[in-house]
N, C-alpha and C. Protein backbone atom coordinates (compact mmCIF):
# COMPACT_ATOMS: atom_id res chain seq x y z
N MET A 1 90.22 112.52 84.07
CA MET A 1 89.12 111.54 84.07
C MET A 1 89.17 110.13 82.99
N LEU A 2 88.48 109.27 83.33
CA LEU A 2 88.44 108.22 82.20
C LEU A 2 87.28 107.91 81.91
N ASN A 3 86.95 107.16 80.65
CA ASN A 3 85.79 106.97 80.28
C ASN A 3 85.55 106.01 80.52
N PRO A 4 84.44 105.01 81.69
CA PRO A 4 84.55 103.90 82.39
C PRO A 4 83.58 102.59 81.73
N GLN A 5 83.29 103.24 80.64
CA GLN A 5 82.59 102.56 79.23
C GLN A 5 81.74 101.10 79.83
N LEU A 6 80.91 101.63 80.52
CA LEU A 6 80.08 100.46 81.44
C LEU A 6 78.73 101.87 81.41
N SER A 7 77.72 100.95 80.59
CA SER A 7 76.67 100.75 80.67
C SER A 7 75.77 101.27 82.14
N SER A 8 75.00 102.20 82.29
CA SER A 8 74.43 102.10 83.66
C SER A 8 72.73 102.47 83.77
N ALA A 9 72.13 101.73 84.74
CA ALA A 9 70.53 102.20 84.84
C ALA A 9 70.27 103.66 85.21
N PRO A 10 69.24 103.66 85.11
CA PRO A 10 68.56 105.21 84.96
C PRO A 10 69.29 105.63 87.22
N ASN A 11 69.38 106.82 86.51
CA ASN A 11 69.30 107.47 88.64
C ASN A 11 71.01 106.71 89.02
N THR A 12 72.00 106.15 88.41
CA THR A 12 73.13 106.03 88.67
C THR A 12 74.34 106.33 87.81
N TYR A 13 75.29 106.82 88.25
CA TYR A 13 76.36 107.71 88.02
C TYR A 13 77.74 106.98 88.07
N ILE A 14 78.60 106.66 86.77
CA ILE A 14 79.70 106.14 87.23
C ILE A 14 80.97 106.98 86.49
N TYR A 15 81.81 107.45 87.41
CA TYR A 15 83.08 107.79 86.91
C TYR A 15 84.11 107.13 87.21
N ALA A 16 84.76 107.17 86.52
CA ALA A 16 86.85 106.72 86.37
C ALA A 16 87.46 107.52 86.52
N GLN A 17 88.71 106.93 87.35
CA GLN A 17 89.93 107.60 86.75
C GLN A 17 91.24 106.86 87.47
N CYS A 18 92.66 107.27 87.39
CA CYS A 18 93.68 106.49 87.39
C CYS A 18 93.54 106.42 89.06
N LEU A 19 94.25 105.11 89.28
CA LEU A 19 94.24 105.10 90.78
C LEU A 19 95.53 105.22 91.50
N LYS A 20 95.62 106.39 92.47
CA LYS A 20 97.21 107.18 92.34
C LYS A 20 98.16 105.96 92.85
N GLY A 21 99.04 106.12 92.61
CA GLY A 21 100.38 105.34 92.86
C GLY A 21 99.87 103.83 92.69
N LYS A 22 99.25 103.09 91.70
CA LYS A 22 99.49 101.75 91.14
C LYS A 22 99.59 102.00 89.36
N PRO A 23 100.17 101.77 88.77
CA PRO A 23 100.55 101.92 87.07
C PRO A 23 99.28 101.00 87.12
N GLY A 24 98.56 101.46 85.76
CA GLY A 24 97.85 100.36 85.24
C GLY A 24 96.27 100.69 85.93
N GLY A 25 96.12 100.94 87.62
CA GLY A 25 95.12 101.06 88.30
C GLY A 25 93.72 102.05 88.06
N VAL A 26 92.90 101.58 88.42
CA VAL A 26 91.59 102.28 88.30
C VAL A 26 90.88 102.38 89.47
N THR A 27 90.10 103.71 89.72
CA THR A 27 89.00 104.13 90.72
C THR A 27 87.75 104.19 90.15
N LEU A 28 87.39 103.68 90.75
CA LEU A 28 85.65 103.63 89.74
C LEU A 28 84.95 104.61 90.90
N LEU A 29 83.78 105.52 90.64
CA LEU A 29 83.15 105.81 91.46
C LEU A 29 81.64 105.90 91.46
N VAL A 30 80.72 104.89 91.90
CA VAL A 30 79.57 104.42 91.49
C VAL A 30 78.68 105.53 92.71
N VAL A 31 77.67 106.27 91.95
CA VAL A 31 76.95 106.56 92.69
C VAL A 31 75.03 105.94 91.86
N ASN A 32 74.32 105.66 93.07
CA ASN A 32 73.07 104.93 92.94
C ASN A 32 72.13 105.71 93.97
N ALA A 33 71.65 106.98 93.22
CA ALA A 33 70.78 107.63 93.48
C ALA A 33 69.12 107.84 93.56
N ASP A 34 69.49 106.18 93.04
CA ASP A 34 67.76 105.60 93.12
C ASP A 34 67.46 105.29 94.85
N ARG A 35 66.48 106.04 95.27
CA ARG A 35 66.09 105.83 96.82
C ARG A 35 65.78 104.33 97.03
N ASN A 36 65.36 103.74 96.23
CA ASN A 36 64.52 102.41 96.31
C ASN A 36 65.07 101.38 95.89
N ALA A 37 65.62 100.73 94.76
CA ALA A 37 66.38 99.85 94.05
C ALA A 37 67.85 100.25 94.14
N ALA A 38 67.82 98.27 94.24
CA ALA A 38 69.93 98.47 93.74
C ALA A 38 70.21 98.28 92.86
N GLN A 39 71.34 98.63 92.16
CA GLN A 39 71.81 97.78 90.95
C GLN A 39 73.09 97.20 90.74
N GLU A 40 73.61 96.91 90.04
CA GLU A 40 74.28 95.67 89.90
C GLU A 40 75.16 96.39 88.44
N LEU A 41 76.59 95.89 88.99
CA LEU A 41 77.66 95.98 87.71
C LEU A 41 78.61 95.11 87.81
N THR A 42 79.23 94.47 86.82
CA THR A 42 79.94 93.74 86.77
C THR A 42 81.19 93.79 86.57
N VAL A 43 82.23 93.23 87.44
CA VAL A 43 83.74 94.33 87.27
C VAL A 43 84.20 92.84 87.03
N SER A 44 85.82 93.10 86.48
CA SER A 44 85.92 92.01 85.59
C SER A 44 87.53 91.27 86.20
N THR A 45 87.65 92.29 87.41
CA THR A 45 88.84 91.89 88.54
C THR A 45 88.34 92.27 89.80
N PRO A 46 89.01 91.96 91.01
CA PRO A 46 89.08 92.11 92.36
C PRO A 46 89.56 93.72 92.58
N SER A 47 88.81 94.05 93.37
CA SER A 47 88.69 95.41 93.92
C SER A 47 88.59 95.48 95.20
N GLU A 48 88.67 96.62 95.66
CA GLU A 48 88.82 97.12 96.92
C GLU A 48 87.56 98.06 97.17
N ARG A 49 86.55 97.82 98.00
CA ARG A 49 84.97 98.79 97.90
C ARG A 49 84.96 99.55 98.77
N TYR A 50 84.79 100.61 98.89
CA TYR A 50 84.56 101.63 100.35
C TYR A 50 83.29 102.10 99.54
N THR A 51 82.07 102.10 100.53
CA THR A 51 80.15 102.16 100.16
C THR A 51 80.18 103.37 101.49
N MET A 52 79.75 104.10 101.06
CA MET A 52 78.93 105.37 101.96
C MET A 52 77.71 104.80 101.75
N THR A 53 76.68 104.90 103.15
CA THR A 53 75.60 104.50 103.28
C THR A 53 75.01 105.44 104.10
N GLU A 54 73.78 105.59 104.21
CA GLU A 54 72.95 105.92 105.66
C GLU A 54 71.58 106.05 105.44
N ASN A 55 70.34 105.20 105.94
CA ASN A 55 69.27 105.12 105.95
C ASN A 55 68.22 105.83 105.93
N ASN A 56 69.01 107.29 106.48
CA ASN A 56 68.19 108.85 107.01
C ASN A 56 68.81 109.56 106.02
N LEU A 57 68.66 109.64 104.98
CA LEU A 57 69.52 110.83 103.98
C LEU A 57 69.70 112.04 104.96
N GLN A 58 69.01 112.64 105.86
CA GLN A 58 68.94 113.99 106.45
C GLN A 58 69.79 113.65 107.86
N SER A 59 70.34 112.00 108.11
CA SER A 59 71.14 112.24 109.13
C SER A 59 72.77 113.24 109.31
N THR A 60 72.71 113.42 110.24
CA THR A 60 74.51 113.61 110.68
C THR A 60 75.11 112.31 110.33
N ARG A 61 74.91 111.31 110.12
CA ARG A 61 75.78 110.15 110.55
C ARG A 61 76.04 109.27 109.06
N VAL A 62 77.00 109.27 108.79
CA VAL A 62 77.25 108.00 107.31
C VAL A 62 77.64 106.84 107.69
N ASP A 63 77.75 106.01 107.35
CA ASP A 63 78.47 104.59 107.35
C ASP A 63 79.08 104.02 106.12
N LEU A 64 80.37 103.91 106.78
CA LEU A 64 81.21 103.26 105.74
C LEU A 64 81.46 101.81 104.93
N ASN A 65 81.08 101.11 104.50
CA ASN A 65 80.91 99.48 104.45
C ASN A 65 80.38 98.93 105.69
N GLY A 66 79.40 99.81 105.83
CA GLY A 66 78.38 98.87 107.13
C GLY A 66 78.78 99.63 108.69
N SER A 67 80.16 100.33 109.12
CA SER A 67 80.55 100.93 110.27
C SER A 67 80.30 102.25 110.33
N GLU A 68 79.80 102.83 111.36
CA GLU A 68 79.75 104.80 111.33
C GLU A 68 81.08 104.92 111.20
N LEU A 69 81.25 105.78 110.29
CA LEU A 69 82.39 106.66 110.32
C LEU A 69 82.20 107.84 111.06
N LYS A 70 83.39 107.88 112.43
CA LYS A 70 83.23 109.39 113.29
C LYS A 70 84.64 109.16 113.54
N LEU A 71 84.87 110.99 114.12
CA LEU A 71 86.21 111.01 114.41
C LEU A 71 86.72 109.91 115.75
N GLY A 72 87.70 110.34 116.31
CA GLY A 72 88.23 109.24 116.97
C GLY A 72 88.44 110.48 118.43
N VAL A 73 89.67 109.65 119.01
CA VAL A 73 89.78 110.78 120.96
C VAL A 73 90.42 112.00 119.80
N ASN A 74 90.24 112.80 120.39
CA ASN A 74 90.53 114.50 119.98
C ASN A 74 90.78 114.81 118.19
N ASP A 75 89.22 114.20 117.79
CA ASP A 75 89.04 114.40 116.42
C ASP A 75 90.02 113.84 115.53
N ALA A 76 90.51 112.68 116.36
CA ALA A 76 91.50 111.87 114.83
C ALA A 76 90.43 111.26 113.97
N LEU A 77 90.93 111.65 112.47
CA LEU A 77 90.26 110.80 111.60
C LEU A 77 89.94 109.35 111.63
N PRO A 78 89.01 108.76 111.09
CA PRO A 78 89.24 106.95 111.39
C PRO A 78 89.80 106.86 110.33
N GLN A 79 90.03 105.20 110.77
CA GLN A 79 90.92 104.88 109.53
C GLN A 79 90.06 104.36 108.38
N LEU A 80 90.19 104.51 107.22
CA LEU A 80 89.54 104.35 106.05
C LEU A 80 89.71 102.81 105.60
N ALA A 81 89.09 102.05 106.18
CA ALA A 81 89.91 100.66 105.23
C ALA A 81 88.44 100.11 104.34
N GLY A 82 88.82 99.71 103.83
CA GLY A 82 87.99 99.03 102.15
C GLY A 82 87.61 97.69 102.68
N ALA A 83 86.76 97.37 101.73
CA ALA A 83 86.20 95.84 101.98
C ALA A 83 86.61 94.98 100.50
N PRO A 84 87.24 93.95 100.71
CA PRO A 84 87.39 93.53 99.46
C PRO A 84 86.37 92.70 98.46
N ALA A 85 86.27 93.01 97.14
CA ALA A 85 85.34 92.98 96.42
C ALA A 85 86.04 91.64 95.20
N HIS A 86 84.80 90.62 95.08
CA HIS A 86 85.83 90.11 94.23
C HIS A 86 85.06 90.49 92.71
N ALA A 87 85.52 89.66 91.76
CA ALA A 87 85.55 89.81 90.35
C ALA A 87 84.09 89.45 89.81
N GLY A 88 82.97 90.00 89.37
CA GLY A 88 81.78 89.58 88.88
C GLY A 88 80.64 90.84 89.38
N LYS A 89 79.95 90.03 89.62
CA LYS A 89 78.50 90.83 89.62
C LYS A 89 78.84 91.63 90.74
N ILE A 90 78.56 93.14 91.41
CA ILE A 90 78.67 93.92 92.37
C ILE A 90 77.62 94.44 92.46
N ALA A 91 76.92 93.99 93.79
CA ALA A 91 75.31 95.45 94.12
C ALA A 91 75.76 96.69 94.48
N PHE A 92 74.87 97.20 94.44
CA PHE A 92 75.23 98.94 94.86
C PHE A 92 73.84 98.91 95.35
N ALA A 93 73.65 99.41 96.89
CA ALA A 93 72.28 99.41 97.74
C ALA A 93 71.79 101.02 97.12
N PRO A 94 70.46 100.83 97.41
CA PRO A 94 69.86 102.66 97.46
C PRO A 94 70.15 103.65 97.87
N ALA A 95 70.60 104.48 97.39
CA ALA A 95 70.91 105.98 97.97
C ALA A 95 72.71 105.77 98.39
N SER A 96 73.72 105.22 98.05
CA SER A 96 74.37 104.54 98.21
C SER A 96 75.79 105.73 97.13
N ILE A 97 76.71 105.89 97.76
CA ILE A 97 77.96 106.02 97.36
C ILE A 97 79.14 104.99 97.26
N THR A 98 79.94 104.44 95.88
CA THR A 98 80.68 103.51 95.97
C THR A 98 81.89 103.70 95.64
N PHE A 99 83.12 103.87 95.93
CA PHE A 99 84.51 103.84 95.24
C PHE A 99 85.41 102.60 95.28
N LEU A 100 84.97 102.31 93.97
CA LEU A 100 86.14 100.54 93.82
C LEU A 100 87.51 101.05 93.51
N ALA A 101 88.66 100.51 94.71
CA ALA A 101 89.78 100.94 93.54
C ALA A 101 89.89 99.27 93.44
N ILE A 102 90.33 99.22 91.65
CA ILE A 102 90.72 97.94 91.49
C ILE A 102 92.47 98.08 90.58
N PRO A 103 93.30 97.78 91.87
CA PRO A 103 94.75 98.55 91.14
C PRO A 103 94.91 97.08 89.94
N THR A 104 94.48 96.13 89.60
CA THR A 104 94.81 95.41 88.65
C THR A 104 94.29 96.01 87.61
N ALA A 105 93.54 97.00 87.18
CA ALA A 105 92.63 96.98 85.55
C ALA A 105 93.63 97.52 84.62
N ASN A 106 95.16 97.22 84.58
CA ASN A 106 95.76 96.96 83.61
C ASN A 106 95.16 98.69 82.41
N ASN A 107 94.87 99.46 82.76
CA ASN A 107 94.75 100.69 82.12
C ASN A 107 95.72 101.49 81.29
N ALA A 108 96.03 101.15 80.12
CA ALA A 108 97.18 101.74 79.49
C ALA A 108 96.86 103.53 79.44
N SER A 109 95.65 104.13 79.57
CA SER A 109 96.29 105.56 80.04
C SER A 109 96.57 106.11 81.59
N CYS A 110 96.62 105.03 82.44
CA CYS A 110 97.08 105.20 83.92
C CYS A 110 98.76 104.67 84.22
């Protein structure tokens, strides 16, 4: 685990770790536990975004970047494709979990 060195709003939790296979790369985990308000974070470099959401928190369904995650034929795992995120402010929907893969973070610890 790394220190993300980011301040966050109440009900927002940020964790960081080295990005596997990318020297200097970092993965941020951003949990917006606020059920009503979106939160923002400023990231200084482009990243790849994986956001899980669902409007009904007691549902058996979950969306990844807006598309339902579900098993394929013969219970094959779905393709986990990230969405590009530009440097700058990134919004996190209420009650969402987001991984940001930042391969060009240039973190000396990674």
